[in-house]
Amino acid sequence: METTMKAAVKTADGTFDVTEVNTPTLPKPDWVRARVRVSGICGTDLRHWKHEDPNLEGKIMGHELAGEIVEVGDAVTNVKPGDRVVIETLLGDETCDWCRVQQYNLCPHLYEVRMKTISQAFAAYVIGPAKKFYKLPDHVSFEEATLLDTFSVSLHAIHLSGLSLNDKVAVIGAGPIGLGQLQLAKLCGADVIVTDVVDSSLQLAKELGADAVVNTKTDDGYQRVMEFTGNRGADIAFECVGGPSMPTTLSQATEFARIGGKVVIVGGFEAGKTAIELDWQRIQMSEIKLIPSASYSFWDIYPEMQMCLDLLAKGKLNARKLITHSFPLDEINKAFETAQDKEHTHAVFVALTI
């Protein structure tokens, strides 16, 4: 086994330094090691781009990835060397009450555990429990599989929403998660309007089946949603932007939702307190339900990652159309610049080949 590997390490200024680091070794007999082939840049990664964060300095980032098994522990039976896999990077402490019932997305120690091992996609190799590595059908590419983490986040939000046939749905944000939300809502039989501020992303939403799209930078999103829903408002509004846009987009979501409707908060917040002004009287008097959605895990007896893999393999989800750019790991900083400047680059999902 190679003792060192190439990896992109977070720097003090929030960019990356591509260097050689120690290759991870298997700590337990039920763990495996995989050669990373493709990883992706997600919204969470972009929120840390060029931001000074001492907690991340010197760390390997990334949590969307697919690759090939190269080593297995003695107790592993589900995969073998040579298997092509997609890798689920949600790993809790496996001792808490939430991990015990397969709600590991709610584990109080989720981030500190996952970032030590399996959630290190911007590197040549990654290790983790074998149960987190799902075999890929031959016709699903590494690039497509890398989007399964994103789709799983969207699927978890769909499950929490209780979406029904013929629901009128508003999806705020036409990034990878919003476009996954769109596709899954359409699979469930909903009518969907998508909002964003980038025309190229909205055009892609149309191509993926959106019934209507609106650029809220140049058009009145509330008025368009009212027209789309017969002046009732959306049965469910999915906030899929998060980050610094949340004060605007979460407010939009609550405005778009009808009386008795739901708002599912899919986009992520930063750590600490975030002040957001909302029309709380309308929310209360309309009994609008605010539903936070955190990553994904199991739904009933099924892993949501496997559910999305099955949908992708059957051609019910389109990942290929979302992949707009690809860069080698050596050009990770250029890849991040491209992903950040989507208004000019028309980027949606930016992949890194390792």
Protein backbone atom coordinates (compact mmCIF):
# COMPACT_ATOMS: atom_id res chain seq x y z
CA MET A 1 0.00 0.00 0.00
CA GLU A 2 1.15 3.53 -0.79
CA THR A 3 2.11 5.32 2.42
CA THR A 4 1.24 8.79 1.11
CA MET A 5 -1.49 10.15 -1.16
CA LYS A 6 -2.46 13.35 -2.92
CA ALA A 7 -5.02 15.50 -1.10
CA ALA A 8 -6.39 19.05 -1.11
CA VAL A 9 -5.82 20.51 2.35
CA LYS A 10 -7.67 23.57 3.66
CA THR A 11 -5.44 26.61 4.16
CA ALA A 12 -5.66 29.49 6.63
CA ASP A 13 -7.25 31.77 4.01
CA GLY A 14 -9.94 29.22 3.11
CA THR A 15 -8.49 28.02 -0.20
CA PHE A 16 -6.73 24.68 -0.81
CA ASP A 17 -3.17 23.43 -1.01
CA VAL A 18 -2.73 20.20 -3.00
CA THR A 19 -0.06 18.19 -1.24
CA GLU A 20 0.98 14.73 -0.05
CA VAL A 21 -0.48 13.38 3.19
CA ASN A 22 -0.46 10.01 4.93
CA THR A 23 -2.70 7.36 3.36
CA PRO A 24 -5.41 6.27 5.82
CA THR A 25 -5.31 2.71 7.16
CA LEU A 26 -8.18 0.49 8.27
CA PRO A 27 -8.88 0.83 12.02
CA LYS A 28 -11.46 -1.96 12.26
CA PRO A 29 -12.16 -5.32 10.54
CA ASP A 30 -15.50 -4.12 9.15
CA TRP A 31 -13.99 -1.06 7.43
CA VAL A 32 -12.82 -0.63 3.84
CA ARG A 33 -10.59 1.68 1.83
CA ALA A 34 -11.59 3.09 -1.54
CA ARG A 35 -9.74 4.91 -4.30
CA VAL A 36 -11.69 8.12 -4.87
CA ARG A 37 -12.44 8.65 -8.55
CA VAL A 38 -14.82 11.63 -8.53
CA SER A 39 -15.88 14.08 -5.84
CA GLY A 40 -18.22 17.05 -5.97
CA ILE A 41 -18.37 20.61 -4.66
CA CYS A 42 -21.56 21.34 -2.75
CA GLY A 43 -23.11 24.44 -1.22
CA THR A 44 -21.67 23.66 2.21
CA ASP A 45 -18.17 23.54 0.73
CA LEU A 46 -18.75 26.86 -1.02
CA ARG A 47 -19.84 28.56 2.21
CA HIS A 48 -16.35 27.85 3.60
CA TRP A 49 -14.56 28.96 0.43
CA LYS A 50 -12.06 31.75 1.16
CA HIS A 51 -13.33 32.04 4.74
CA GLU A 52 -10.79 31.88 7.51
CA ASP A 53 -11.70 29.07 9.91
CA PRO A 54 -9.06 27.72 12.29
CA ASN A 55 -11.17 24.61 12.87
CA LEU A 56 -10.81 23.64 9.19
CA GLU A 57 -7.23 24.69 8.56
CA GLY A 58 -5.12 21.67 7.63
CA LYS A 59 -8.18 19.47 7.14
CA ILE A 60 -9.32 17.47 4.10
CA MET A 61 -12.86 18.42 3.09
CA GLY A 62 -15.58 17.07 0.79
CA HIS A 63 -18.49 14.68 1.26
CA GLU A 64 -19.81 13.84 -2.21
CA LEU A 65 -17.82 11.04 -3.81
CA ALA A 66 -17.66 7.76 -5.69
CA GLY A 67 -14.76 5.40 -6.25
CA GLU A 68 -13.40 1.87 -6.27
CA ILE A 69 -12.77 -0.50 -3.37
CA VAL A 70 -9.06 -1.29 -2.97
CA GLU A 71 -8.88 -2.90 0.48
CA VAL A 72 -11.36 -4.60 2.83
CA GLY A 73 -11.18 -5.67 6.46
CA ASP A 74 -11.47 -9.33 7.47
CA ALA A 75 -15.12 -8.94 8.55
CA VAL A 76 -16.36 -7.31 5.31
CA THR A 77 -18.77 -9.31 3.14
CA ASN A 78 -20.82 -6.75 1.18
CA VAL A 79 -18.04 -5.39 -1.07
CA LYS A 80 -14.69 -6.58 -2.42
CA PRO A 81 -11.64 -5.02 -4.08
CA GLY A 82 -12.49 -3.80 -7.57
CA ASP A 83 -16.13 -2.97 -6.79
CA ARG A 84 -17.31 0.42 -8.01
CA VAL A 85 -19.12 2.23 -5.19
CA VAL A 86 -20.84 5.39 -4.09
CA ILE A 87 -19.86 6.41 -0.59
CA GLU A 88 -22.21 7.72 2.07
CA THR A 89 -20.30 10.09 4.34
CA LEU A 90 -22.80 10.45 7.18
CA LEU A 91 -21.14 8.67 10.08
CA GLY A 92 -22.21 9.24 13.67
CA ASP A 93 -20.68 7.92 16.87
CA GLU A 94 -22.79 4.72 16.53
CA THR A 95 -23.43 4.74 20.30
CA CYS A 96 -26.08 7.44 20.80
CA ASP A 97 -29.86 6.93 20.82
CA TRP A 98 -30.22 8.42 17.34
CA CYS A 99 -27.57 6.22 15.76
CA ARG A 100 -29.19 3.23 17.45
CA VAL A 101 -32.42 3.79 15.47
CA GLN A 102 -30.63 4.71 12.19
CA GLN A 103 -31.25 8.45 12.59
CA TYR A 104 -27.52 9.09 12.51
CA ASN A 105 -28.08 12.35 10.65
CA LEU A 106 -29.15 13.69 14.07
CA CYS A 107 -26.16 12.30 15.98
CA PRO A 108 -24.80 15.00 18.33
CA HIS A 109 -21.26 14.07 17.27
CA LEU A 110 -21.95 13.63 13.54
CA TYR A 111 -19.56 16.23 12.15
CA GLU A 112 -16.64 15.62 14.45
CA VAL A 113 -16.83 11.86 13.69
CA ARG A 114 -17.41 11.95 9.94
CA MET A 115 -14.73 14.54 9.22
CA LYS A 116 -12.02 12.38 10.77
CA THR A 117 -12.37 9.62 8.19
CA ILE A 118 -15.11 9.07 5.63
CA SER A 119 -15.95 12.71 4.92
CA GLN A 120 -12.65 13.50 3.16
CA ALA A 121 -13.60 13.41 -0.51
CA PHE A 122 -10.86 15.74 -1.79
CA ALA A 123 -8.17 13.07 -1.52
CA ALA A 124 -6.98 9.97 -3.37
CA TYR A 125 -8.22 7.49 -0.75
CA VAL A 126 -10.94 7.36 1.88
CA ILE A 127 -11.82 4.86 4.60
CA GLY A 128 -15.07 4.05 6.37
CA PRO A 129 -17.42 1.30 7.57
CA ALA A 130 -18.24 -1.11 4.74
CA LYS A 131 -21.97 -0.51 5.24
CA LYS A 132 -21.48 3.05 3.95
CA PHE A 133 -20.22 1.83 0.55
CA TYR A 134 -22.96 0.99 -1.99
CA LYS A 135 -22.15 -1.00 -5.12
CA LEU A 136 -22.85 0.76 -8.40
CA PRO A 137 -24.51 -0.89 -11.40
CA ASP A 138 -22.22 -0.94 -14.43
CA HIS A 139 -24.28 1.66 -16.30
CA VAL A 140 -24.06 4.29 -13.51
CA SER A 141 -20.90 6.38 -13.89
CA PHE A 142 -18.74 7.68 -11.05
CA GLU A 143 -19.74 11.22 -12.05
CA GLU A 144 -23.45 10.46 -11.82
CA ALA A 145 -23.02 8.58 -8.55
CA THR A 146 -21.33 11.58 -6.96
CA LEU A 147 -24.68 13.39 -7.08
CA LEU A 148 -26.38 10.73 -4.95
CA ASP A 149 -25.47 12.54 -1.74
CA THR A 150 -27.29 15.61 -3.06
CA PHE A 151 -30.30 13.59 -4.18
CA SER A 152 -30.45 11.87 -0.78
CA VAL A 153 -30.66 15.25 0.96
CA SER A 154 -33.58 16.13 -1.32
CA LEU A 155 -35.28 12.78 -0.76
CA HIS A 156 -35.10 13.17 3.03
CA ALA A 157 -36.82 16.54 2.68
CA ILE A 158 -39.51 14.97 0.49
CA HIS A 159 -40.12 12.29 3.11
CA LEU A 160 -40.43 14.84 5.91
CA SER A 161 -42.78 17.01 3.85
CA GLY A 162 -45.50 14.38 3.42
CA LEU A 163 -45.87 15.48 -0.22
CA SER A 164 -48.99 14.11 -1.94
CA LEU A 165 -50.19 13.60 -5.50
CA ASN A 166 -51.16 16.83 -7.25
CA ASP A 167 -49.60 19.08 -4.60
CA LYS A 168 -48.53 22.51 -5.74
CA VAL A 169 -44.88 22.89 -4.82
CA ALA A 170 -42.49 25.84 -4.84
CA VAL A 171 -38.76 25.07 -4.90
CA ILE A 172 -36.57 28.04 -3.99
CA GLY A 173 -33.13 27.56 -5.49
CA ALA A 174 -32.10 25.82 -8.72
CA GLY A 175 -28.77 24.50 -7.54
CA PRO A 176 -28.11 20.75 -7.29
CA ILE A 177 -30.33 20.26 -4.22
CA GLY A 178 -33.17 22.34 -5.66
CA LEU A 179 -32.96 20.49 -8.98
CA GLY A 180 -32.99 17.20 -7.08
CA GLN A 181 -36.00 18.45 -5.13
CA LEU A 182 -37.71 19.32 -8.40
CA GLN A 183 -37.14 15.89 -9.92
CA LEU A 184 -38.31 14.00 -6.84
CA ALA A 185 -41.40 16.18 -6.42
CA LYS A 186 -42.33 15.54 -10.05
CA LEU A 187 -41.82 11.78 -9.49
CA CYS A 188 -44.30 12.07 -6.61
CA GLY A 189 -46.92 13.65 -8.87
CA ALA A 190 -46.60 17.31 -7.86
CA ASP A 191 -46.80 20.46 -9.96
CA VAL A 192 -43.62 22.44 -9.38
CA ILE A 193 -42.56 26.06 -9.77
CA VAL A 194 -38.84 26.80 -9.31
CA THR A 195 -37.35 30.17 -8.37
CA ASP A 196 -33.74 31.36 -8.60
CA VAL A 197 -31.75 34.43 -9.64
CA VAL A 198 -29.65 32.76 -12.36
CA ASP A 199 -31.34 32.30 -15.74
CA SER A 200 -29.14 29.39 -16.85
CA SER A 201 -30.10 27.42 -13.74
CA LEU A 202 -33.78 28.13 -14.37
CA GLN A 203 -33.43 26.97 -17.96
CA LEU A 204 -32.04 23.69 -16.66
CA ALA A 205 -34.98 23.43 -14.26
CA LYS A 206 -37.32 23.71 -17.25
CA GLU A 207 -35.43 20.96 -19.06
CA LEU A 208 -35.75 18.74 -15.98
CA GLY A 209 -39.53 19.11 -15.88
CA ALA A 210 -40.40 22.26 -13.94
CA ASP A 211 -43.93 23.39 -14.75
CA ALA A 212 -42.93 27.03 -14.28
CA VAL A 213 -39.81 29.01 -13.39
CA VAL A 214 -39.28 32.58 -12.19
CA ASN A 215 -36.21 34.75 -11.74
CA THR A 216 -36.93 36.56 -8.48
CA LYS A 217 -34.27 39.16 -9.24
CA THR A 218 -36.22 40.43 -12.24
CA ASP A 219 -39.77 39.23 -11.56
CA ASP A 220 -42.25 39.14 -8.68
CA GLY A 221 -41.88 35.65 -7.22
CA TYR A 222 -44.90 35.94 -4.90
CA GLN A 223 -47.20 37.02 -7.73
CA ARG A 224 -45.99 34.22 -9.99
CA VAL A 225 -46.46 31.61 -7.26
CA MET A 226 -49.99 32.91 -6.62
CA GLU A 227 -50.82 32.65 -10.32
CA PHE A 228 -49.36 29.13 -10.42
CA THR A 229 -51.42 27.97 -7.43
CA GLY A 230 -54.79 29.61 -8.17
CA ASN A 231 -54.08 32.35 -5.61
CA ARG A 232 -53.87 29.90 -2.71
CA GLY A 233 -50.10 29.62 -2.36
CA ALA A 234 -47.95 26.52 -2.40
CA ASP A 235 -48.94 23.42 -0.48
CA ILE A 236 -45.24 22.96 0.23
CA ALA A 237 -42.35 25.38 -0.23
CA PHE A 238 -38.84 23.92 -0.17
CA GLU A 239 -36.06 26.36 0.78
CA CYS A 240 -33.00 24.93 -1.04
CA VAL A 241 -30.50 27.80 -0.97
CA GLY A 242 -29.35 28.36 2.60
CA GLY A 243 -26.19 30.11 3.72
CA PRO A 244 -26.07 33.92 3.53
CA SER A 245 -29.20 33.98 1.34
CA MET A 246 -31.35 32.43 4.06
CA PRO A 247 -32.81 35.72 5.41
CA THR A 248 -34.24 36.33 1.94
CA THR A 249 -35.09 32.81 0.80
CA LEU A 250 -36.65 31.54 4.03
CA SER A 251 -38.83 34.64 4.13
CA GLN A 252 -39.85 33.94 0.52
CA ALA A 253 -40.72 30.36 1.41
CA THR A 254 -43.06 31.43 4.21
CA GLU A 255 -44.68 33.98 1.88
CA PHE A 256 -45.14 31.40 -0.90
CA ALA A 257 -46.77 28.81 1.40
CA ARG A 258 -50.56 28.76 1.55
CA ILE A 259 -52.71 28.88 4.68
CA GLY A 260 -52.18 25.50 6.33
CA GLY A 261 -49.18 24.84 4.10
CA LYS A 262 -45.64 23.72 4.90
CA VAL A 263 -42.14 25.13 4.57
CA VAL A 264 -39.30 22.60 4.47
CA ILE A 265 -35.91 24.10 5.34
CA VAL A 266 -33.37 22.18 3.27
CA GLY A 267 -30.64 24.80 2.83
CA GLY A 268 -28.01 24.92 5.56
CA PHE A 269 -27.25 27.47 8.26
CA GLU A 270 -23.86 28.37 9.64
CA ALA A 271 -23.07 27.50 13.25
CA GLY A 272 -24.38 29.89 15.89
CA LYS A 273 -27.40 32.18 15.87
CA THR A 274 -28.86 33.64 12.67
CA ALA A 275 -31.29 36.56 12.88
CA ILE A 276 -34.08 36.29 10.30
CA GLU A 277 -37.16 38.49 10.23
CA LEU A 278 -40.34 36.60 9.31
CA ASP A 279 -44.04 37.48 9.31
CA TRP A 280 -44.64 35.41 12.43
CA GLN A 281 -48.25 36.54 12.82
CA ARG A 282 -49.14 35.18 9.38
CA ILE A 283 -47.19 31.98 10.04
CA GLN A 284 -49.06 31.43 13.29
CA MET A 285 -52.52 32.48 12.14
CA SER A 286 -52.16 30.45 8.95
CA GLU A 287 -50.77 27.45 10.85
CA ILE A 288 -47.87 27.19 8.41
CA LYS A 289 -45.62 24.35 9.49
CA LEU A 290 -41.86 24.96 9.47
CA ILE A 291 -40.04 21.65 8.95
CA PRO A 292 -36.24 21.59 9.30
CA SER A 293 -34.55 18.86 7.25
CA ALA A 294 -31.03 17.67 8.12
CA SER A 295 -29.04 15.64 5.58
CA TYR A 296 -30.41 12.08 5.27
CA SER A 297 -30.23 8.62 6.84
CA PHE A 298 -32.82 5.82 6.79
CA TRP A 299 -36.51 6.15 6.05
CA ASP A 300 -38.29 3.29 7.78
CA ILE A 301 -36.16 0.23 6.93
CA TYR A 302 -34.52 1.71 3.81
CA PRO A 303 -31.30 3.75 3.47
CA GLU A 304 -32.18 6.92 1.60
CA MET A 305 -28.88 6.73 -0.27
CA GLN A 306 -29.82 3.30 -1.64
CA MET A 307 -33.29 4.54 -2.54
CA CYS A 308 -31.77 7.33 -4.64
CA LEU A 309 -29.28 4.94 -6.22
CA ASP A 310 -32.17 2.71 -7.27
CA LEU A 311 -34.03 5.68 -8.79
CA LEU A 312 -30.90 6.82 -10.64
CA ALA A 313 -30.17 3.32 -11.92
CA LYS A 314 -33.74 3.02 -13.25
CA GLY A 315 -33.46 6.33 -15.12
CA LYS A 316 -35.97 8.11 -12.87
CA LEU A 317 -33.43 10.70 -11.72
CA ASN A 318 -31.21 12.63 -14.11
CA ALA A 319 -27.74 13.31 -12.70
CA ARG A 320 -25.87 13.72 -15.96
CA LYS A 321 -27.67 16.93 -16.87
CA LEU A 322 -26.58 18.62 -13.63
CA ILE A 323 -22.84 18.08 -14.21
CA THR A 324 -21.70 21.26 -15.93
CA HIS A 325 -17.96 21.30 -15.19
CA SER A 326 -15.15 18.92 -14.30
CA PHE A 327 -11.62 19.66 -13.06
CA PRO A 328 -8.67 17.56 -11.87
CA LEU A 329 -7.91 17.76 -8.15
CA ASP A 330 -4.79 19.83 -8.91
CA GLU A 331 -7.13 22.60 -10.13
CA ILE A 332 -9.45 22.52 -7.11
CA ASN A 333 -9.14 26.27 -6.47
CA LYS A 334 -10.14 27.01 -10.06
CA ALA A 335 -13.03 24.55 -9.66
CA PHE A 336 -14.26 26.41 -6.58
CA GLU A 337 -14.01 29.76 -8.37
CA THR A 338 -16.10 28.32 -11.19
CA ALA A 339 -18.71 26.89 -8.82
CA GLN A 340 -18.93 30.17 -6.90
CA ASP A 341 -19.36 32.39 -9.96
CA LYS A 342 -22.31 30.50 -11.43
CA GLU A 343 -23.95 33.59 -12.86
CA HIS A 344 -21.08 33.93 -15.34
CA THR A 345 -19.90 30.31 -15.61
CA HIS A 346 -23.40 28.76 -15.61
CA ALA A 347 -22.10 26.17 -13.17
CA VAL A 348 -24.50 23.82 -11.41
CA PHE A 349 -22.59 20.76 -10.24
CA VAL A 350 -18.79 20.94 -10.44
CA ALA A 351 -16.97 17.61 -10.29
CA LEU A 352 -13.36 16.87 -9.34
CA THR A 353 -11.54 13.91 -10.83
CA ILE A 354 -9.01 12.48 -8.42
